[in-house]
Full PDB file with SEQRES, HELIX, SHEET, SSBOND, CRYST1, ORIGX, SCALE, CONECT and MASTER records, all heavy atoms in Angstrom:
SEQRES   1 A   38  ARG PHE ASP ASN LEU THR THR VAL HIS ASN VAL TYR LYS          
SEQRES   2 A   38  VAL GLU THR ILE ARG ASP ALA TYR MET VAL VAL SER GLY          
SEQRES   3 A   38  VAL PRO THR ARG THR ASN SER HIS ALA GLU ASN VAL              
HELIX    1 AA1 PHE A    2  HIS A    9  1                                   8    
HELIX    2 AA2 HIS A   34  ASN A   37  1                                   4    
SHEET    1 AA1 2 TYR A  12  ILE A  17  0                                        
SHEET    2 AA1 2 ALA A  20  VAL A  24 -1                                        
CRYST1    1.000    1.000    1.000  90.00  90.00  90.00 P 1           1          
ORIGX1      1.000000  0.000000  0.000000        0.00000                         
ORIGX2      0.000000  1.000000  0.000000        0.00000                         
ORIGX3      0.000000  0.000000  1.000000        0.00000                         
SCALE1      1.000000  0.000000  0.000000        0.00000                         
SCALE2      0.000000  1.000000  0.000000        0.00000                         
SCALE3      0.000000  0.000000  1.000000        0.00000                         
ATOM      1  N   ARG A   1       0.836  -1.202   0.000  1.00  0.00           N  
ATOM      2  CA  ARG A   1       0.000   0.000   0.000  1.00  0.00           C  
ATOM      3  C   ARG A   1       0.874   1.256   0.000  1.00  0.00           C  
ATOM      4  O   ARG A   1       0.612   2.206  -0.745  1.00  0.00           O  
ATOM      5  CB  ARG A   1      -0.922  -0.003   1.228  1.00  0.00           C  
ATOM      6  CG  ARG A   1      -1.955  -1.125   1.216  1.00  0.00           C  
ATOM      7  CD  ARG A   1      -2.727  -1.185   2.533  1.00  0.00           C  
ATOM      8  NE  ARG A   1      -3.682  -2.284   2.554  1.00  0.00           N  
ATOM      9  CZ  ARG A   1      -4.931  -2.200   2.120  1.00  0.00           C  
ATOM     10  NH1 ARG A   1      -5.379  -1.039   1.655  1.00  0.00           N  
ATOM     11  NH2 ARG A   1      -5.742  -3.235   2.164  1.00  0.00           N  
ATOM     12  N   PHE A   2       1.914   1.244   0.819  1.00  0.00           N  
ATOM     13  CA  PHE A   2       2.815   2.394   0.876  1.00  0.00           C  
ATOM     14  C   PHE A   2       3.560   2.566  -0.452  1.00  0.00           C  
ATOM     15  O   PHE A   2       3.764   3.693  -0.922  1.00  0.00           O  
ATOM     16  CB  PHE A   2       3.824   2.231   2.014  1.00  0.00           C  
ATOM     17  CG  PHE A   2       3.226   2.338   3.394  1.00  0.00           C  
ATOM     18  CD1 PHE A   2       3.982   2.044   4.516  1.00  0.00           C  
ATOM     19  CD2 PHE A   2       1.903   2.716   3.582  1.00  0.00           C  
ATOM     20  CE1 PHE A   2       3.453   2.147   5.788  1.00  0.00           C  
ATOM     21  CE2 PHE A   2       1.347   2.810   4.844  1.00  0.00           C  
ATOM     22  CZ  PHE A   2       2.135   2.527   5.961  1.00  0.00           C  
ATOM     23  N   ASP A   3       3.992   1.455  -1.053  1.00  0.00           N  
ATOM     24  CA  ASP A   3       4.717   1.523  -2.319  1.00  0.00           C  
ATOM     25  C   ASP A   3       3.866   2.175  -3.408  1.00  0.00           C  
ATOM     26  O   ASP A   3       4.377   2.947  -4.233  1.00  0.00           O  
ATOM     27  CB  ASP A   3       5.146   0.123  -2.770  1.00  0.00           C  
ATOM     28  CG  ASP A   3       6.252  -0.461  -1.901  1.00  0.00           C  
ATOM     29  OD1 ASP A   3       6.844   0.297  -1.109  1.00  0.00           O  
ATOM     30  OD2 ASP A   3       6.494  -1.672  -1.998  1.00  0.00           O  
ATOM     31  N   ASN A   4       2.585   1.860  -3.432  1.00  0.00           N  
ATOM     32  CA  ASN A   4       1.690   2.482  -4.411  1.00  0.00           C  
ATOM     33  C   ASN A   4       1.600   3.986  -4.192  1.00  0.00           C  
ATOM     34  O   ASN A   4       1.505   4.760  -5.155  1.00  0.00           O  
ATOM     35  CB  ASN A   4       0.299   1.852  -4.333  1.00  0.00           C  
ATOM     36  CG  ASN A   4       0.268   0.413  -4.817  1.00  0.00           C  
ATOM     37  OD1 ASN A   4       1.095   0.008  -5.631  1.00  0.00           O  
ATOM     38  ND2 ASN A   4      -0.662  -0.371  -4.310  1.00  0.00           N  
ATOM     39  N   LEU A   5       1.628   4.403  -2.929  1.00  0.00           N  
ATOM     40  CA  LEU A   5       1.553   5.832  -2.624  1.00  0.00           C  
ATOM     41  C   LEU A   5       2.814   6.573  -3.054  1.00  0.00           C  
ATOM     42  O   LEU A   5       2.758   7.771  -3.364  1.00  0.00           O  
ATOM     43  CB  LEU A   5       1.315   6.045  -1.125  1.00  0.00           C  
ATOM     44  CG  LEU A   5      -0.050   5.610  -0.578  1.00  0.00           C  
ATOM     45  CD1 LEU A   5      -0.093   5.802   0.940  1.00  0.00           C  
ATOM     46  CD2 LEU A   5      -1.170   6.405  -1.229  1.00  0.00           C  
ATOM     47  N   THR A   6       3.967   5.905  -3.061  1.00  0.00           N  
ATOM     48  CA  THR A   6       5.204   6.588  -3.454  1.00  0.00           C  
ATOM     49  C   THR A   6       5.113   7.095  -4.895  1.00  0.00           C  
ATOM     50  O   THR A   6       5.633   8.172  -5.217  1.00  0.00           O  
ATOM     51  CB  THR A   6       6.427   5.664  -3.320  1.00  0.00           C  
ATOM     52  OG1 THR A   6       6.269   4.524  -4.179  1.00  0.00           O  
ATOM     53  CG2 THR A   6       6.605   5.207  -1.882  1.00  0.00           C  
ATOM     54  N   THR A   7       4.451   6.321  -5.746  1.00  0.00           N  
ATOM     55  CA  THR A   7       4.279   6.751  -7.139  1.00  0.00           C  
ATOM     56  C   THR A   7       3.333   7.937  -7.220  1.00  0.00           C  
ATOM     57  O   THR A   7       3.572   8.884  -7.977  1.00  0.00           O  
ATOM     58  CB  THR A   7       3.730   5.584  -7.987  1.00  0.00           C  
ATOM     59  OG1 THR A   7       4.619   4.465  -7.890  1.00  0.00           O  
ATOM     60  CG2 THR A   7       3.604   5.985  -9.444  1.00  0.00           C  
ATOM     61  N   VAL A   8       2.272   7.892  -6.424  1.00  0.00           N  
ATOM     62  CA  VAL A   8       1.276   8.975  -6.438  1.00  0.00           C  
ATOM     63  C   VAL A   8       1.908  10.295  -5.999  1.00  0.00           C  
ATOM     64  O   VAL A   8       1.646  11.353  -6.584  1.00  0.00           O  
ATOM     65  CB  VAL A   8       0.088   8.617  -5.520  1.00  0.00           C  
ATOM     66  CG1 VAL A   8      -0.891   9.793  -5.411  1.00  0.00           C  
ATOM     67  CG2 VAL A   8      -0.626   7.371  -6.040  1.00  0.00           C  
ATOM     68  N   HIS A   9       2.748  10.242  -4.962  1.00  0.00           N  
ATOM     69  CA  HIS A   9       3.277  11.475  -4.364  1.00  0.00           C  
ATOM     70  C   HIS A   9       4.712  11.795  -4.791  1.00  0.00           C  
ATOM     71  O   HIS A   9       5.321  12.719  -4.236  1.00  0.00           O  
ATOM     72  CB  HIS A   9       3.189  11.379  -2.840  1.00  0.00           C  
ATOM     73  CG  HIS A   9       1.779  11.271  -2.341  1.00  0.00           C  
ATOM     74  ND1 HIS A   9       0.840  12.247  -2.551  1.00  0.00           N  
ATOM     75  CD2 HIS A   9       1.136  10.288  -1.653  1.00  0.00           C  
ATOM     76  CE1 HIS A   9      -0.312  11.894  -2.001  1.00  0.00           C  
ATOM     77  NE2 HIS A   9      -0.160  10.699  -1.462  1.00  0.00           N  
ATOM     78  N   ASN A  10       5.255  11.025  -5.732  1.00  0.00           N  
ATOM     79  CA  ASN A  10       6.574  11.333  -6.294  1.00  0.00           C  
ATOM     80  C   ASN A  10       7.663  11.380  -5.224  1.00  0.00           C  
ATOM     81  O   ASN A  10       8.461  12.318  -5.157  1.00  0.00           O  
ATOM     82  CB  ASN A  10       6.529  12.662  -7.058  1.00  0.00           C  
ATOM     83  CG  ASN A  10       7.744  12.860  -7.944  1.00  0.00           C  
ATOM     84  OD1 ASN A  10       8.350  11.895  -8.414  1.00  0.00           O  
ATOM     85  ND2 ASN A  10       8.126  14.113  -8.154  1.00  0.00           N  
ATOM     86  N   VAL A  11       7.700  10.361  -4.394  1.00  0.00           N  
ATOM     87  CA  VAL A  11       8.781  10.220  -3.418  1.00  0.00           C  
ATOM     88  C   VAL A  11       9.504   8.914  -3.698  1.00  0.00           C  
ATOM     89  O   VAL A  11       8.951   8.000  -4.307  1.00  0.00           O  
ATOM     90  CB  VAL A  11       8.255  10.241  -1.959  1.00  0.00           C  
ATOM     91  CG1 VAL A  11       7.629  11.581  -1.639  1.00  0.00           C  
ATOM     92  CG2 VAL A  11       7.266   9.103  -1.707  1.00  0.00           C  
ATOM     93  N   TYR A  12      10.752   8.824  -3.245  1.00  0.00           N  
ATOM     94  CA  TYR A  12      11.568   7.635  -3.485  1.00  0.00           C  
ATOM     95  C   TYR A  12      11.678   6.813  -2.209  1.00  0.00           C  
ATOM     96  O   TYR A  12      12.050   7.331  -1.156  1.00  0.00           O  
ATOM     97  CB  TYR A  12      12.968   8.030  -3.967  1.00  0.00           C  
ATOM     98  CG  TYR A  12      13.918   6.866  -4.036  1.00  0.00           C  
ATOM     99  CD1 TYR A  12      13.697   5.813  -4.913  1.00  0.00           C  
ATOM    100  CD2 TYR A  12      15.037   6.794  -3.192  1.00  0.00           C  
ATOM    101  CE1 TYR A  12      14.560   4.732  -4.965  1.00  0.00           C  
ATOM    102  CE2 TYR A  12      15.905   5.721  -3.252  1.00  0.00           C  
ATOM    103  CZ  TYR A  12      15.659   4.695  -4.137  1.00  0.00           C  
ATOM    104  OH  TYR A  12      16.506   3.619  -4.195  1.00  0.00           O  
ATOM    105  N   LYS A  13      11.336   5.533  -2.316  1.00  0.00           N  
ATOM    106  CA  LYS A  13      11.461   4.621  -1.183  1.00  0.00           C  
ATOM    107  C   LYS A  13      12.925   4.212  -1.059  1.00  0.00           C  
ATOM    108  O   LYS A  13      13.488   3.574  -1.942  1.00  0.00           O  
ATOM    109  CB  LYS A  13      10.587   3.386  -1.407  1.00  0.00           C  
ATOM    110  CG  LYS A  13      10.765   2.293  -0.370  1.00  0.00           C  
ATOM    111  CD  LYS A  13       9.951   1.079  -0.760  1.00  0.00           C  
ATOM    112  CE  LYS A  13      10.208  -0.103   0.137  1.00  0.00           C  
ATOM    113  NZ  LYS A  13       9.475  -1.315  -0.302  1.00  0.00           N  
ATOM    114  N   VAL A  14      13.537   4.579   0.058  1.00  0.00           N  
ATOM    115  CA  VAL A  14      14.945   4.279   0.267  1.00  0.00           C  
ATOM    116  C   VAL A  14      15.126   2.837   0.709  1.00  0.00           C  
ATOM    117  O   VAL A  14      15.884   2.079   0.118  1.00  0.00           O  
ATOM    118  CB  VAL A  14      15.568   5.242   1.301  1.00  0.00           C  
ATOM    119  CG1 VAL A  14      17.056   4.926   1.500  1.00  0.00           C  
ATOM    120  CG2 VAL A  14      15.391   6.685   0.855  1.00  0.00           C  
ATOM    121  N   GLU A  15      14.403   2.435   1.757  1.00  0.00           N  
ATOM    122  CA  GLU A  15      14.555   1.073   2.260  1.00  0.00           C  
ATOM    123  C   GLU A  15      13.493   0.776   3.303  1.00  0.00           C  
ATOM    124  O   GLU A  15      12.784   1.672   3.780  1.00  0.00           O  
ATOM    125  CB  GLU A  15      15.942   0.862   2.870  1.00  0.00           C  
ATOM    126  CG  GLU A  15      16.230   1.739   4.085  1.00  0.00           C  
ATOM    127  CD  GLU A  15      17.632   1.524   4.632  1.00  0.00           C  
ATOM    128  OE1 GLU A  15      18.298   0.583   4.176  1.00  0.00           O  
ATOM    129  OE2 GLU A  15      18.037   2.280   5.514  1.00  0.00           O  
ATOM    130  N   THR A  16      13.401  -0.505   3.655  1.00  0.00           N  
ATOM    131  CA  THR A  16      12.593  -0.947   4.794  1.00  0.00           C  
ATOM    132  C   THR A  16      13.476  -1.835   5.664  1.00  0.00           C  
ATOM    133  O   THR A  16      14.216  -2.673   5.150  1.00  0.00           O  
ATOM    134  CB  THR A  16      11.356  -1.746   4.342  1.00  0.00           C  
ATOM    135  OG1 THR A  16      11.778  -2.869   3.559  1.00  0.00           O  
ATOM    136  CG2 THR A  16      10.412  -0.888   3.515  1.00  0.00           C  
ATOM    137  N   ILE A  17      13.412  -1.612   6.954  1.00  0.00           N  
ATOM    138  CA  ILE A  17      14.119  -2.443   7.925  1.00  0.00           C  
ATOM    139  C   ILE A  17      13.109  -2.859   8.978  1.00  0.00           C  
ATOM    140  O   ILE A  17      12.612  -2.017   9.727  1.00  0.00           O  
ATOM    141  CB  ILE A  17      15.297  -1.692   8.572  1.00  0.00           C  
ATOM    142  CG1 ILE A  17      16.283  -1.200   7.502  1.00  0.00           C  
ATOM    143  CG2 ILE A  17      16.019  -2.593   9.574  1.00  0.00           C  
ATOM    144  CD1 ILE A  17      17.392  -0.340   8.039  1.00  0.00           C  
ATOM    145  N   ARG A  18      12.796  -4.159   9.011  1.00  0.00           N  
ATOM    146  CA  ARG A  18      11.735  -4.659   9.894  1.00  0.00           C  
ATOM    147  C   ARG A  18      10.456  -3.868   9.612  1.00  0.00           C  
ATOM    148  O   ARG A  18       9.958  -3.888   8.495  1.00  0.00           O  
ATOM    149  CB  ARG A  18      12.159  -4.579  11.353  1.00  0.00           C  
ATOM    150  CG  ARG A  18      13.325  -5.509  11.697  1.00  0.00           C  
ATOM    151  CD  ARG A  18      13.719  -5.456  13.149  1.00  0.00           C  
ATOM    152  NE  ARG A  18      12.683  -5.950  14.021  1.00  0.00           N  
ATOM    153  CZ  ARG A  18      12.138  -5.258  15.030  1.00  0.00           C  
ATOM    154  NH1 ARG A  18      12.546  -4.022  15.286  1.00  0.00           N  
ATOM    155  NH2 ARG A  18      11.211  -5.808  15.790  1.00  0.00           N  
ATOM    156  N   ASP A  19       9.953  -3.143  10.611  1.00  0.00           N  
ATOM    157  CA  ASP A  19       8.717  -2.387  10.425  1.00  0.00           C  
ATOM    158  C   ASP A  19       8.978  -0.933  10.062  1.00  0.00           C  
ATOM    159  O   ASP A  19       8.035  -0.149   9.943  1.00  0.00           O  
ATOM    160  CB  ASP A  19       7.861  -2.455  11.687  1.00  0.00           C  
ATOM    161  CG  ASP A  19       8.545  -1.823  12.889  1.00  0.00           C  
ATOM    162  OD1 ASP A  19       9.760  -2.022  13.046  1.00  0.00           O  
ATOM    163  OD2 ASP A  19       7.864  -1.144  13.679  1.00  0.00           O  
ATOM    164  N   ALA A  20      10.245  -0.542   9.911  1.00  0.00           N  
ATOM    165  CA  ALA A  20      10.581   0.847   9.569  1.00  0.00           C  
ATOM    166  C   ALA A  20      10.526   1.034   8.056  1.00  0.00           C  
ATOM    167  O   ALA A  20      11.041   0.220   7.296  1.00  0.00           O  
ATOM    168  CB  ALA A  20      11.956   1.208  10.101  1.00  0.00           C  
ATOM    169  N   TYR A  21       9.910   2.140   7.638  1.00  0.00           N  
ATOM    170  CA  TYR A  21       9.745   2.449   6.216  1.00  0.00           C  
ATOM    171  C   TYR A  21      10.304   3.850   5.996  1.00  0.00           C  
ATOM    172  O   TYR A  21       9.940   4.794   6.698  1.00  0.00           O  
ATOM    173  CB  TYR A  21       8.257   2.404   5.859  1.00  0.00           C  
ATOM    174  CG  TYR A  21       7.936   2.410   4.388  1.00  0.00           C  
ATOM    175  CD1 TYR A  21       7.782   1.222   3.686  1.00  0.00           C  
ATOM    176  CD2 TYR A  21       7.752   3.610   3.703  1.00  0.00           C  
ATOM    177  CE1 TYR A  21       7.465   1.223   2.332  1.00  0.00           C  
ATOM    178  CE2 TYR A  21       7.434   3.624   2.353  1.00  0.00           C  
ATOM    179  CZ  TYR A  21       7.291   2.420   1.676  1.00  0.00           C  
ATOM    180  OH  TYR A  21       6.982   2.428   0.339  1.00  0.00           O  
ATOM    181  N   MET A  22      11.198   4.000   5.014  1.00  0.00           N  
ATOM    182  CA  MET A  22      11.905   5.267   4.812  1.00  0.00           C  
ATOM    183  C   MET A  22      11.733   5.746   3.380  1.00  0.00           C  
ATOM    184  O   MET A  22      11.943   5.000   2.432  1.00  0.00           O  
ATOM    185  CB  MET A  22      13.397   5.093   5.122  1.00  0.00           C  
ATOM    186  CG  MET A  22      14.249   6.318   4.893  1.00  0.00           C  
ATOM    187  SD  MET A  22      16.012   5.924   5.178  1.00  0.00           S  
ATOM    188  CE  MET A  22      16.781   7.498   4.793  1.00  0.00           C  
ATOM    189  N   VAL A  23      11.337   7.018   3.217  1.00  0.00           N  
ATOM    190  CA  VAL A  23      11.224   7.618   1.889  1.00  0.00           C  
ATOM    191  C   VAL A  23      11.907   8.980   1.900  1.00  0.00           C  
ATOM    192  O   VAL A  23      12.148   9.568   2.961  1.00  0.00           O  
ATOM    193  CB  VAL A  23       9.758   7.779   1.430  1.00  0.00           C  
ATOM    194  CG1 VAL A  23       9.047   6.449   1.391  1.00  0.00           C  
ATOM    195  CG2 VAL A  23       9.023   8.761   2.317  1.00  0.00           C  
ATOM    196  N   VAL A  24      12.193   9.493   0.698  1.00  0.00           N  
ATOM    197  CA  VAL A  24      12.851  10.789   0.572  1.00  0.00           C  
ATOM    198  C   VAL A  24      12.353  11.478  -0.690  1.00  0.00           C  
ATOM    199  O   VAL A  24      11.950  10.820  -1.660  1.00  0.00           O  
ATOM    200  CB  VAL A  24      14.392  10.624   0.520  1.00  0.00           C  
ATOM    201  CG1 VAL A  24      14.809   9.860  -0.722  1.00  0.00           C  
ATOM    202  CG2 VAL A  24      15.096  11.974   0.584  1.00  0.00           C  
ATOM    203  N   SER A  25      12.387  12.782  -0.680  1.00  0.00           N  
ATOM    204  CA  SER A  25      12.138  13.570  -1.888  1.00  0.00           C  
ATOM    205  C   SER A  25      13.253  14.597  -2.010  1.00  0.00           C  
ATOM    206  O   SER A  25      13.710  15.150  -1.009  1.00  0.00           O  
ATOM    207  CB  SER A  25      10.777  14.274  -1.828  1.00  0.00           C  
ATOM    208  OG  SER A  25      10.549  15.007  -3.019  1.00  0.00           O  
ATOM    209  N   GLY A  26      13.694  14.824  -3.254  1.00  0.00           N  
ATOM    210  CA  GLY A  26      14.825  15.712  -3.489  1.00  0.00           C  
ATOM    211  C   GLY A  26      16.102  14.968  -3.804  1.00  0.00           C  
ATOM    212  O   GLY A  26      17.131  15.580  -4.083  1.00  0.00           O  
ATOM    213  N   VAL A  27      16.049  13.650  -3.762  1.00  0.00           N  
ATOM    214  CA  VAL A  27      17.186  12.770  -4.050  1.00  0.00           C  
ATOM    215  C   VAL A  27      16.677  11.614  -4.897  1.00  0.00           C  
ATOM    216  O   VAL A  27      15.639  11.026  -4.579  1.00  0.00           O  
ATOM    217  CB  VAL A  27      17.801  12.212  -2.747  1.00  0.00           C  
ATOM    218  CG1 VAL A  27      18.918  11.248  -3.050  1.00  0.00           C  
ATOM    219  CG2 VAL A  27      18.309  13.335  -1.853  1.00  0.00           C  
ATOM    220  N   PRO A  28      17.392  11.208  -5.968  1.00  0.00           N  
ATOM    221  CA  PRO A  28      18.571  11.830  -6.557  1.00  0.00           C  
ATOM    222  C   PRO A  28      18.220  12.965  -7.518  1.00  0.00           C  
ATOM    223  O   PRO A  28      19.100  13.617  -8.043  1.00  0.00           O  
ATOM    224  CB  PRO A  28      19.230  10.679  -7.290  1.00  0.00           C  
ATOM    225  CG  PRO A  28      18.071   9.861  -7.754  1.00  0.00           C  
ATOM    226  CD  PRO A  28      17.057   9.946  -6.654  1.00  0.00           C  
ATOM    227  N   THR A  29      16.890  13.161  -7.758  1.00  0.00           N  
ATOM    228  CA  THR A  29      16.465  14.255  -8.622  1.00  0.00           C  
ATOM    229  C   THR A  29      16.106  15.448  -7.751  1.00  0.00           C  
ATOM    230  O   THR A  29      15.192  15.360  -6.915  1.00  0.00           O  
ATOM    231  CB  THR A  29      15.257  13.839  -9.481  1.00  0.00           C  
ATOM    232  OG1 THR A  29      15.603  12.683 -10.260  1.00  0.00           O  
ATOM    233  CG2 THR A  29      14.837  14.964 -10.398  1.00  0.00           C  
ATOM    234  N   ARG A  30      16.814  16.522  -7.921  1.00  0.00           N  
ATOM    235  CA  ARG A  30      16.568  17.703  -7.105  1.00  0.00           C  
ATOM    236  C   ARG A  30      15.229  18.333  -7.465  1.00  0.00           C  
ATOM    237  O   ARG A  30      14.857  18.390  -8.636  1.00  0.00           O  
ATOM    238  CB  ARG A  30      17.689  18.722  -7.288  1.00  0.00           C  
ATOM    239  CG  ARG A  30      19.024  18.271  -6.686  1.00  0.00           C  
ATOM    240  CD  ARG A  30      20.143  19.248  -7.018  1.00  0.00           C  
ATOM    241  NE  ARG A  30      21.364  18.942  -6.274  1.00  0.00           N  
ATOM    242  CZ  ARG A  30      22.248  18.027  -6.613  1.00  0.00           C  
ATOM    243  NH1 ARG A  30      22.047  17.317  -7.716  1.00  0.00           N  
ATOM    244  NH2 ARG A  30      23.315  17.804  -5.877  1.00  0.00           N  
ATOM    245  N   THR A  31      14.512  18.802  -6.447  1.00  0.00           N  
ATOM    246  CA  THR A  31      13.223  19.461  -6.656  1.00  0.00           C  
ATOM    247  C   THR A  31      12.976  20.456  -5.542  1.00  0.00           C  
ATOM    248  O   THR A  31      13.377  20.231  -4.392  1.00  0.00           O  
ATOM    249  CB  THR A  31      12.077  18.425  -6.710  1.00  0.00           C  
ATOM    250  OG1 THR A  31      10.826  19.119  -6.781  1.00  0.00           O  
ATOM    251  CG2 THR A  31      12.074  17.533  -5.481  1.00  0.00           C  
ATOM    252  N   ASN A  32      12.332  21.556  -5.894  1.00  0.00           N  
ATOM    253  CA  ASN A  32      11.994  22.572  -4.891  1.00  0.00           C  
ATOM    254  C   ASN A  32      10.745  22.205  -4.102  1.00  0.00           C  
ATOM    255  O   ASN A  32      10.441  22.848  -3.093  1.00  0.00           O  
ATOM    256  CB  ASN A  32      11.795  23.930  -5.572  1.00  0.00           C  
ATOM    257  CG  ASN A  32      13.091  24.483  -6.149  1.00  0.00           C  
ATOM    258  OD1 ASN A  32      14.158  24.272  -5.588  1.00  0.00           O  
ATOM    259  ND2 ASN A  32      12.995  25.188  -7.276  1.00  0.00           N  
ATOM    260  N   SER A  33      10.028  21.179  -4.542  1.00  0.00           N  
ATOM    261  CA  SER A  33       8.790  20.773  -3.866  1.00  0.00           C  
ATOM    262  C   SER A  33       9.005  19.530  -3.005  1.00  0.00           C  
ATOM    263  O   SER A  33       8.063  18.778  -2.754  1.00  0.00           O  
ATOM    264  CB  SER A  33       7.692  20.516  -4.899  1.00  0.00           C  
ATOM    265  OG  SER A  33       8.070  19.489  -5.800  1.00  0.00           O  
ATOM    266  N   HIS A  34      10.238  19.301  -2.544  1.00  0.00           N  
ATOM    267  CA  HIS A  34      10.533  18.097  -1.762  1.00  0.00           C  
ATOM    268  C   HIS A  34       9.703  18.024  -0.482  1.00  0.00           C  
ATOM    269  O   HIS A  34       9.202  16.967  -0.100  1.00  0.00           O  
ATOM    270  CB  HIS A  34      12.024  18.034  -1.442  1.00  0.00           C  
ATOM    271  CG  HIS A  34      12.549  19.231  -0.707  1.00  0.00           C  
ATOM    272  ND1 HIS A  34      12.599  19.305   0.662  1.00  0.00           N  
ATOM    273  CD2 HIS A  34      13.051  20.412  -1.172  1.00  0.00           C  
ATOM    274  CE1 HIS A  34      13.100  20.484   1.014  1.00  0.00           C  
ATOM    275  NE2 HIS A  34      13.390  21.177  -0.076  1.00  0.00           N  
ATOM    276  N   ALA A  35       9.531  19.158   0.203  1.00  0.00           N  
ATOM    277  CA  ALA A  35       8.768  19.151   1.455  1.00  0.00           C  
ATOM    278  C   ALA A  35       7.294  18.852   1.192  1.00  0.00           C  
ATOM    279  O   ALA A  35       6.662  18.078   1.925  1.00  0.00           O  
ATOM    280  CB  ALA A  35       8.927  20.491   2.170  1.00  0.00           C  
ATOM    281  N   GLU A  36       6.733  19.426   0.139  1.00  0.00           N  
ATOM    282  CA  GLU A  36       5.322  19.178  -0.184  1.00  0.00           C  
ATOM    283  C   GLU A  36       5.105  17.717  -0.576  1.00  0.00           C  
ATOM    284  O   GLU A  36       4.111  17.100  -0.185  1.00  0.00           O  
ATOM    285  CB  GLU A  36       4.861  20.096  -1.320  1.00  0.00           C  
ATOM    286  CG  GLU A  36       4.882  21.573  -0.993  1.00  0.00           C  
ATOM    287  CD  GLU A  36       6.156  22.248  -1.476  1.00  0.00           C  
ATOM    288  OE1 GLU A  36       7.249  21.857  -0.991  1.00  0.00           O  
ATOM    289  OE2 GLU A  36       6.064  23.150  -2.325  1.00  0.00           O  
ATOM    290  N   ASN A  37       6.037  17.170  -1.385  1.00  0.00           N  
ATOM    291  CA  ASN A  37       5.887  15.770  -1.805  1.00  0.00           C  
ATOM    292  C   ASN A  37       5.814  14.837  -0.602  1.00  0.00           C  
ATOM    293  O   ASN A  37       4.970  13.932  -0.550  1.00  0.00           O  
ATOM    294  CB  ASN A  37       7.064  15.366  -2.697  1.00  0.00           C  
ATOM    295  CG  ASN A  37       7.046  16.066  -4.032  1.00  0.00           C  
ATOM    296  OD1 ASN A  37       6.025  16.601  -4.451  1.00  0.00           O  
ATOM    297  ND2 ASN A  37       8.181  16.082  -4.718  1.00  0.00           N  
ATOM    298  N   VAL A  38       6.719  15.055   0.356  1.00  0.00           N  
ATOM    299  CA  VAL A  38       6.741  14.186   1.537  1.00  0.00           C  
ATOM    300  C   VAL A  38       5.546  14.466   2.439  1.00  0.00           C  
ATOM    301  O   VAL A  38       4.944  13.542   2.990  1.00  0.00           O  
ATOM    302  CB  VAL A  38       8.062  14.368   2.308  1.00  0.00           C  
ATOM    303  CG1 VAL A  38       7.999  13.660   3.656  1.00  0.00           C  
ATOM    304  CG2 VAL A  38       9.225  13.814   1.485  1.00  0.00           C  
TER     305      VAL A  38                                                      
MASTER        0    0    0    2    2    0    0    6  304    1    0    3          
END                                                                             
């Protein structure tokens, strides 16, 4: 479910460790809307 949302909101899934889920915006493609995307 979260993976599907990453496409919708244009964020990059970095990794998952156990129950931890990590995403980022602004890497590796720079964008001024990184805060809004996340």
